C-alpha atoms as a PDB file:
ATOM      1  CA  MET A   1       0.078  -0.266  -0.066  1.00  0.00           C
ATOM      2  CA  LEU A   2       1.149   3.565  -0.547  1.00  0.00           C
ATOM      3  CA  PRO A   3       2.086   6.209   1.905  1.00  0.00           C
ATOM      4  CA  GLU A   4      -0.718   8.708   2.615  1.00  0.00           C
ATOM      5  CA  PHE A   5       0.663  11.728   0.883  1.00  0.00           C
ATOM      6  CA  ARG A   6      -2.478  13.229  -0.718  1.00  0.00           C
ATOM      7  CA  GLY A   7      -4.270  13.480   2.044  1.00  0.00           C
ATOM      8  CA  GLU A   8      -6.521  10.429   4.330  1.00  0.00           C
ATOM      9  CA  LEU A   9      -6.932   7.155   2.857  1.00  0.00           C
ATOM     10  CA  ILE A  10     -10.203   5.607   4.184  1.00  0.00           C
ATOM     11  CA  SER A  11     -10.509   1.919   2.861  1.00  0.00           C
ATOM     12  CA  GLY A  12     -13.295  -1.260   3.323  1.00  0.00           C
ATOM     13  CA  LYS A  13     -14.643  -3.731   1.597  1.00  0.00           C
ATOM     14  CA  ILE A  14     -18.242  -5.029   1.137  1.00  0.00           C
ATOM     15  CA  LYS A  15     -19.688  -8.964   1.770  1.00  0.00           C
ATOM     16  CA  SER A  16     -22.883 -10.059  -0.051  1.00  0.00           C
ATOM     17  CA  ASN A  17     -25.692 -11.204   2.520  1.00  0.00           C
ATOM     18  CA  ASN A  18     -27.119 -13.481  -0.327  1.00  0.00           C
ATOM     19  CA  ALA A  19     -25.617 -15.876  -3.106  1.00  0.00           C
ATOM     20  CA  GLU A  20     -26.956 -13.859  -5.498  1.00  0.00           C
ATOM     21  CA  SER A  21     -25.086 -10.497  -5.640  1.00  0.00           C
ATOM     22  CA  GLN A  22     -22.194  -9.497  -6.946  1.00  0.00           C
ATOM     23  CA  VAL A  23     -19.911  -7.150  -4.744  1.00  0.00           C
ATOM     24  CA  GLN A  24     -18.006  -6.284  -8.119  1.00  0.00           C
ATOM     25  CA  ASN A  25     -18.284  -2.653  -9.524  1.00  0.00           C
ATOM     26  CA  ILE A  26     -20.835  -1.822  -6.359  1.00  0.00           C
ATOM     27  CA  PRO A  27     -21.694   1.872  -5.921  1.00  0.00           C
ATOM     28  CA  VAL A  28     -20.828   3.484  -2.398  1.00  0.00           C
ATOM     29  CA  ALA A  29     -20.675   6.536  -0.646  1.00  0.00           C
ATOM     30  CA  LEU A  30     -18.647   8.651   2.184  1.00  0.00           C
ATOM     31  CA  SER A  31     -20.108  11.146   3.616  1.00  0.00           C
ATOM     32  CA  ILE A  32     -18.720  13.692   6.220  1.00  0.00           C
ATOM     33  CA  PRO A  33     -21.722  15.724   7.765  1.00  0.00           C
ATOM     34  CA  GLY A  34     -20.352  19.442   8.658  1.00  0.00           C
ATOM     35  CA  THR A  35     -19.977  23.122   7.590  1.00  0.00           C
ATOM     36  CA  ASP A  36     -17.540  22.013   4.546  1.00  0.00           C
ATOM     37  CA  PHE A  37     -18.489  18.884   4.107  1.00  0.00           C
ATOM     38  CA  THR A  38     -17.179  15.802   2.382  1.00  0.00           C
ATOM     39  CA  PHE A  39     -19.507  13.963  -0.005  1.00  0.00           C
ATOM     40  CA  LYS A  40     -17.609  10.768  -2.336  1.00  0.00           C
ATOM     41  CA  ILE A  41     -18.911   7.836  -4.496  1.00  0.00           C
ATOM     42  CA  VAL A  42     -16.434   5.090  -5.246  1.00  0.00           C
ATOM     43  CA  ARG A  43     -17.198   1.066  -6.781  1.00  0.00           C
ATOM     44  CA  THR A  44     -15.782  -1.641  -5.128  1.00  0.00           C
ATOM     45  CA  ASP A  45     -13.344  -4.069  -7.696  1.00  0.00           C
ATOM     46  CA  LYS A  46     -13.328  -7.957  -7.910  1.00  0.00           C
ATOM     47  CA  ASN A  47     -13.100  -8.366  -4.534  1.00  0.00           C
ATOM     48  CA  GLY A  48     -15.887  -5.901  -2.683  1.00  0.00           C
ATOM     49  CA  ALA A  49     -12.854  -3.034  -1.631  1.00  0.00           C
ATOM     50  CA  PHE A  50     -13.236   0.078  -1.627  1.00  0.00           C
ATOM     51  CA  PHE A  51     -11.365   2.851  -1.210  1.00  0.00           C
ATOM     52  CA  PHE A  52     -11.639   6.861  -0.756  1.00  0.00           C
ATOM     53  CA  SER A  53      -9.154   9.388  -0.909  1.00  0.00           C
ATOM     54  CA  ILE A  54      -9.928  12.402   1.351  1.00  0.00           C
ATOM     55  CA  ASP A  55      -7.558  15.150   0.649  1.00  0.00           C
ATOM     56  CA  LYS A  56      -8.952  18.344   2.469  1.00  0.00           C
ATOM     57  CA  PRO A  57      -9.420  18.700   6.249  1.00  0.00           C
ATOM     58  CA  TYR A  58     -12.686  18.322   8.285  1.00  0.00           C
ATOM     59  CA  ASP A  59     -13.535  18.435  11.600  1.00  0.00           C
ATOM     60  CA  ASN A  60     -16.376  16.046  12.262  1.00  0.00           C
ATOM     61  CA  SER A  61     -15.393  13.153  14.083  1.00  0.00           C
ATOM     62  CA  GLN A  62     -18.472  11.181  12.453  1.00  0.00           C
ATOM     63  CA  LEU A  63     -18.033   9.826   8.989  1.00  0.00           C
ATOM     64  CA  ILE A  64     -21.189   7.864   6.918  1.00  0.00           C
ATOM     65  CA  VAL A  65     -20.072   4.710   4.858  1.00  0.00           C
ATOM     66  CA  GLN A  66     -23.158   3.239   2.545  1.00  0.00           C
ATOM     67  CA  VAL A  67     -23.679   0.903  -0.407  1.00  0.00           C
ATOM     68  CA  VAL A  68     -25.525   2.894  -2.987  1.00  0.00           C
ATOM     69  CA  GLY A  69     -28.768   1.580  -4.924  1.00  0.00           C
ATOM     70  CA  GLU A  70     -31.878  -0.383  -4.612  1.00  0.00           C
ATOM     71  CA  LYS A  71     -29.970  -3.364  -3.092  1.00  0.00           C
ATOM     72  CA  ARG A  72     -27.742  -1.808  -0.193  1.00  0.00           C
ATOM     73  CA  ASN A  73     -29.882  -4.639   1.974  1.00  0.00           C
ATOM     74  CA  ASP A  74     -28.003  -6.886  -0.022  1.00  0.00           C
ATOM     75  CA  PHE A  75     -24.761  -6.402   1.439  1.00  0.00           C
ATOM     76  CA  SER A  76     -22.439  -5.424   4.518  1.00  0.00           C
ATOM     77  CA  ILE A  77     -20.218  -2.889   5.151  1.00  0.00           C
ATOM     78  CA  ALA A  78     -16.375  -3.536   7.020  1.00  0.00           C
ATOM     79  CA  LEU A  79     -13.925  -0.641   7.444  1.00  0.00           C
ATOM     80  CA  LYS A  80     -10.032  -1.000   7.763  1.00  0.00           C
ATOM     81  CA  LYS A  81      -8.532   0.190  10.481  1.00  0.00           C
ATOM     82  CA  LYS A  82      -5.592   2.154  11.091  1.00  0.00           C
ATOM     83  CA  LYS A  83      -2.269   1.245  11.737  1.00  0.00           C
END
C-alpha cells in the first residue's frame, strides 16, 4: 500500500449477504457531515474492496459509509482499521 501523501485514505470491503449478489462494481458512498462537508462515491473492485481519498481537512469525527442503490440491503460493509 502506498503512503498517504495526499490526505487520508479510508478503505474497506463489502460482503454479500446472499449468494446471488456480486460484490464487483457496486457504488459505495462516503459522507462527512459538517460546515465544509465531504461527499464521495466510488465503486468496488472484483473482491468488493473500495478506497476513498480524503484530500481536505475535516472537523467532524463522524462519517457515514453506505452502499448506494436498490440492493443496498444485500451487502454489509467492513471498514479497514487504521494502524
